[in-house]
Amino acid sequence: MTDTPVAEMTFEQAMKELESVVGQLERGDVPLEDSIKLYERGADLKKRCETKLKEAEEKVAQITLDGDGKPTGTTPVEGM
């Protein structure tokens, strides 16, 4: 595990660490207390990845296209 707070991680950082956490848990060679901490960290990492993906999907959905299908700009995301 890294010392980086999950809330500050990029999607790529969170995904890489999540893969590491899953690998450690799958091997089953981690003491119970550490397994619990890993599981909790993994849940936080999964949530971070989902949040970052949703943000990206919303940005893509806001791209406007001209008559030829070329991007012309973005529209504001509601609530921002």
N, C-alpha and C. Protein backbone atom coordinates (compact mmCIF):
# COMPACT_ATOMS: atom_id res chain seq x y z
N MET A 1 0.84 -1.18 0.00
CA MET A 1 0.00 0.00 0.00
C MET A 1 0.88 1.24 0.00
N THR A 2 0.37 2.27 -0.64
CA THR A 2 1.09 3.54 -0.63
C THR A 2 0.54 4.41 0.49
N ASP A 3 1.25 5.48 0.77
CA ASP A 3 0.80 6.42 1.79
C ASP A 3 -0.10 7.50 1.19
N THR A 4 -0.27 7.48 -0.12
CA THR A 4 -1.09 8.49 -0.79
C THR A 4 -2.56 8.30 -0.39
N PRO A 5 -3.21 9.36 0.07
CA PRO A 5 -4.63 9.24 0.37
C PRO A 5 -5.41 8.87 -0.89
N VAL A 6 -6.35 7.98 -0.77
CA VAL A 6 -7.13 7.51 -1.92
C VAL A 6 -7.79 8.68 -2.64
N ALA A 7 -8.30 9.65 -1.89
CA ALA A 7 -9.00 10.79 -2.48
C ALA A 7 -8.11 11.65 -3.38
N GLU A 8 -6.79 11.49 -3.26
CA GLU A 8 -5.86 12.29 -4.06
C GLU A 8 -5.29 11.51 -5.24
N MET A 9 -5.67 10.25 -5.38
CA MET A 9 -5.11 9.40 -6.43
C MET A 9 -5.77 9.65 -7.78
N THR A 10 -4.97 9.48 -8.82
CA THR A 10 -5.53 9.47 -10.16
C THR A 10 -6.20 8.12 -10.37
N PHE A 11 -6.95 7.99 -11.44
CA PHE A 11 -7.57 6.71 -11.75
C PHE A 11 -6.51 5.63 -11.89
N GLU A 12 -5.44 5.97 -12.61
CA GLU A 12 -4.39 4.98 -12.86
C GLU A 12 -3.70 4.53 -11.57
N GLN A 13 -3.43 5.46 -10.68
CA GLN A 13 -2.81 5.11 -9.40
C GLN A 13 -3.72 4.20 -8.59
N ALA A 14 -4.98 4.56 -8.52
CA ALA A 14 -5.93 3.77 -7.74
C ALA A 14 -6.10 2.37 -8.33
N MET A 15 -6.17 2.28 -9.64
CA MET A 15 -6.34 0.98 -10.29
C MET A 15 -5.12 0.10 -10.05
N LYS A 16 -3.94 0.67 -10.16
CA LYS A 16 -2.72 -0.11 -9.95
C LYS A 16 -2.66 -0.65 -8.52
N GLU A 17 -2.97 0.21 -7.55
CA GLU A 17 -2.94 -0.25 -6.17
C GLU A 17 -4.05 -1.26 -5.90
N LEU A 18 -5.21 -1.06 -6.50
CA LEU A 18 -6.31 -2.01 -6.33
C LEU A 18 -5.91 -3.39 -6.85
N GLU A 19 -5.24 -3.43 -7.98
CA GLU A 19 -4.76 -4.71 -8.52
C GLU A 19 -3.78 -5.37 -7.55
N SER A 20 -2.93 -4.57 -6.93
CA SER A 20 -1.98 -5.09 -5.96
C SER A 20 -2.70 -5.66 -4.73
N VAL A 21 -3.69 -4.92 -4.25
CA VAL A 21 -4.46 -5.35 -3.08
C VAL A 21 -5.17 -6.67 -3.38
N VAL A 22 -5.81 -6.75 -4.53
CA VAL A 22 -6.52 -7.98 -4.91
C VAL A 22 -5.54 -9.15 -4.99
N GLY A 23 -4.38 -8.91 -5.57
CA GLY A 23 -3.37 -9.97 -5.67
C GLY A 23 -2.94 -10.48 -4.30
N GLN A 24 -2.73 -9.56 -3.38
CA GLN A 24 -2.33 -9.96 -2.02
C GLN A 24 -3.43 -10.76 -1.33
N LEU A 25 -4.66 -10.32 -1.49
CA LEU A 25 -5.77 -11.03 -0.86
C LEU A 25 -5.98 -12.41 -1.49
N GLU A 26 -5.80 -12.50 -2.80
CA GLU A 26 -5.98 -13.78 -3.48
C GLU A 26 -4.92 -14.80 -3.06
N ARG A 27 -3.71 -14.34 -2.83
CA ARG A 27 -2.63 -15.25 -2.41
C ARG A 27 -2.93 -15.85 -1.03
N GLY A 28 -3.61 -15.09 -0.19
CA GLY A 28 -4.00 -15.59 1.12
C GLY A 28 -2.87 -15.73 2.11
N ASP A 29 -1.75 -15.09 1.85
CA ASP A 29 -0.61 -15.20 2.76
C ASP A 29 -0.46 -13.97 3.66
N VAL A 30 -1.57 -13.24 3.84
CA VAL A 30 -1.56 -12.04 4.66
C VAL A 30 -2.29 -12.35 5.97
N PRO A 31 -1.74 -11.95 7.11
CA PRO A 31 -2.43 -12.17 8.38
C PRO A 31 -3.83 -11.56 8.36
N LEU A 32 -4.72 -12.09 9.17
CA LEU A 32 -6.12 -11.68 9.19
C LEU A 32 -6.29 -10.17 9.36
N GLU A 33 -5.63 -9.60 10.35
CA GLU A 33 -5.78 -8.15 10.59
C GLU A 33 -5.35 -7.33 9.37
N ASP A 34 -4.26 -7.75 8.74
CA ASP A 34 -3.79 -7.05 7.54
C ASP A 34 -4.76 -7.26 6.38
N SER A 35 -5.36 -8.45 6.31
CA SER A 35 -6.35 -8.72 5.27
C SER A 35 -7.54 -7.79 5.39
N ILE A 36 -7.96 -7.54 6.60
CA ILE A 36 -9.10 -6.63 6.83
C ILE A 36 -8.74 -5.23 6.36
N LYS A 37 -7.54 -4.77 6.72
CA LYS A 37 -7.10 -3.43 6.29
C LYS A 37 -7.00 -3.36 4.77
N LEU A 38 -6.46 -4.43 4.16
CA LEU A 38 -6.35 -4.47 2.70
C LEU A 38 -7.73 -4.42 2.06
N TYR A 39 -8.67 -5.19 2.61
CA TYR A 39 -10.02 -5.21 2.07
C TYR A 39 -10.65 -3.82 2.14
N GLU A 40 -10.49 -3.15 3.27
CA GLU A 40 -11.04 -1.79 3.42
C GLU A 40 -10.39 -0.83 2.43
N ARG A 41 -9.07 -0.93 2.29
CA ARG A 41 -8.36 -0.07 1.33
C ARG A 41 -8.84 -0.37 -0.09
N GLY A 42 -9.01 -1.64 -0.39
CA GLY A 42 -9.49 -2.04 -1.71
C GLY A 42 -10.88 -1.48 -2.00
N ALA A 43 -11.75 -1.49 -1.01
CA ALA A 43 -13.09 -0.93 -1.19
C ALA A 43 -13.01 0.57 -1.49
N ASP A 44 -12.14 1.27 -0.78
CA ASP A 44 -11.96 2.70 -1.03
C ASP A 44 -11.38 2.95 -2.42
N LEU A 45 -10.43 2.12 -2.81
CA LEU A 45 -9.82 2.26 -4.14
C LEU A 45 -10.84 2.00 -5.24
N LYS A 46 -11.67 0.99 -5.06
CA LYS A 46 -12.71 0.67 -6.04
C LYS A 46 -13.67 1.85 -6.19
N LYS A 47 -14.06 2.43 -5.08
CA LYS A 47 -14.96 3.58 -5.11
C LYS A 47 -14.31 4.76 -5.85
N ARG A 48 -13.01 4.98 -5.60
CA ARG A 48 -12.29 6.07 -6.27
C ARG A 48 -12.27 5.84 -7.78
N CYS A 49 -11.98 4.62 -8.20
CA CYS A 49 -11.97 4.30 -9.63
C CYS A 49 -13.34 4.54 -10.26
N GLU A 50 -14.39 4.12 -9.58
CA GLU A 50 -15.74 4.33 -10.09
C GLU A 50 -16.06 5.81 -10.21
N THR A 51 -15.65 6.60 -9.22
CA THR A 51 -15.89 8.04 -9.25
C THR A 51 -15.17 8.69 -10.42
N LYS A 52 -13.90 8.34 -10.60
CA LYS A 52 -13.12 8.93 -11.69
C LYS A 52 -13.68 8.53 -13.06
N LEU A 53 -14.14 7.29 -13.19
CA LEU A 53 -14.75 6.85 -14.46
C LEU A 53 -16.04 7.62 -14.73
N LYS A 54 -16.85 7.81 -13.70
CA LYS A 54 -18.09 8.56 -13.87
C LYS A 54 -17.80 9.99 -14.29
N GLU A 55 -16.80 10.61 -13.68
CA GLU A 55 -16.42 11.98 -14.06
C GLU A 55 -16.02 12.03 -15.53
N ALA A 56 -15.25 11.06 -15.97
CA ALA A 56 -14.82 11.03 -17.37
C ALA A 56 -16.01 10.83 -18.30
N GLU A 57 -16.91 9.94 -17.94
CA GLU A 57 -18.11 9.70 -18.76
C GLU A 57 -18.95 10.97 -18.88
N GLU A 58 -19.08 11.71 -17.78
CA GLU A 58 -19.85 12.94 -17.81
C GLU A 58 -19.20 13.99 -18.70
N LYS A 59 -17.87 14.06 -18.68
CA LYS A 59 -17.17 15.01 -19.55
C LYS A 59 -17.38 14.65 -21.01
N VAL A 60 -17.27 13.37 -21.33
CA VAL A 60 -17.45 12.92 -22.71
C VAL A 60 -18.89 13.20 -23.15
N ALA A 61 -19.84 12.98 -22.28
CA ALA A 61 -21.25 13.20 -22.62
C ALA A 61 -21.54 14.67 -22.90
N GLN A 62 -20.72 15.57 -22.40
CA GLN A 62 -20.96 17.00 -22.56
C GLN A 62 -20.33 17.57 -23.84
N ILE A 63 -19.57 16.76 -24.55
CA ILE A 63 -18.94 17.25 -25.78
C ILE A 63 -20.03 17.46 -26.83
N THR A 64 -20.00 18.65 -27.44
CA THR A 64 -20.97 18.94 -28.49
C THR A 64 -20.30 18.75 -29.84
N LEU A 65 -21.08 18.32 -30.82
CA LEU A 65 -20.56 18.05 -32.15
C LEU A 65 -21.22 18.99 -33.15
N ASP A 66 -20.45 19.31 -34.22
CA ASP A 66 -21.04 20.11 -35.28
C ASP A 66 -21.72 19.18 -36.28
N GLY A 67 -22.20 19.71 -37.37
CA GLY A 67 -22.92 18.93 -38.38
C GLY A 67 -22.09 17.80 -38.98
N ASP A 68 -20.76 17.95 -38.98
CA ASP A 68 -19.88 16.93 -39.52
C ASP A 68 -19.44 15.92 -38.46
N GLY A 69 -19.93 16.08 -37.24
CA GLY A 69 -19.56 15.16 -36.17
C GLY A 69 -18.25 15.51 -35.49
N LYS A 70 -17.76 16.73 -35.74
CA LYS A 70 -16.50 17.16 -35.11
C LYS A 70 -16.81 17.89 -33.80
N PRO A 71 -15.99 17.67 -32.76
CA PRO A 71 -16.23 18.37 -31.51
C PRO A 71 -16.10 19.87 -31.69
N THR A 72 -17.04 20.61 -31.12
CA THR A 72 -17.01 22.07 -31.22
C THR A 72 -16.87 22.73 -29.86
N GLY A 73 -17.04 21.99 -28.81
CA GLY A 73 -16.95 22.56 -27.47
C GLY A 73 -17.67 21.67 -26.49
N THR A 74 -17.83 22.19 -25.32
CA THR A 74 -18.54 21.43 -24.30
C THR A 74 -19.64 22.29 -23.73
N THR A 75 -20.63 21.65 -23.21
CA THR A 75 -21.68 22.36 -22.52
C THR A 75 -21.42 22.21 -21.03
N PRO A 76 -21.85 23.16 -20.23
CA PRO A 76 -21.61 23.04 -18.79
C PRO A 76 -22.30 21.82 -18.20
N VAL A 77 -21.61 21.19 -17.25
CA VAL A 77 -22.21 20.08 -16.54
C VAL A 77 -23.19 20.66 -15.55
N GLU A 78 -24.40 20.10 -15.51
CA GLU A 78 -25.42 20.60 -14.59
C GLU A 78 -24.94 20.49 -13.15
N GLY A 79 -25.25 21.47 -12.35
CA GLY A 79 -24.90 21.45 -10.94
C GLY A 79 -23.50 21.97 -10.65
N MET A 80 -22.78 22.41 -11.67
CA MET A 80 -21.41 22.91 -11.44
C MET A 80 -21.39 24.40 -11.61
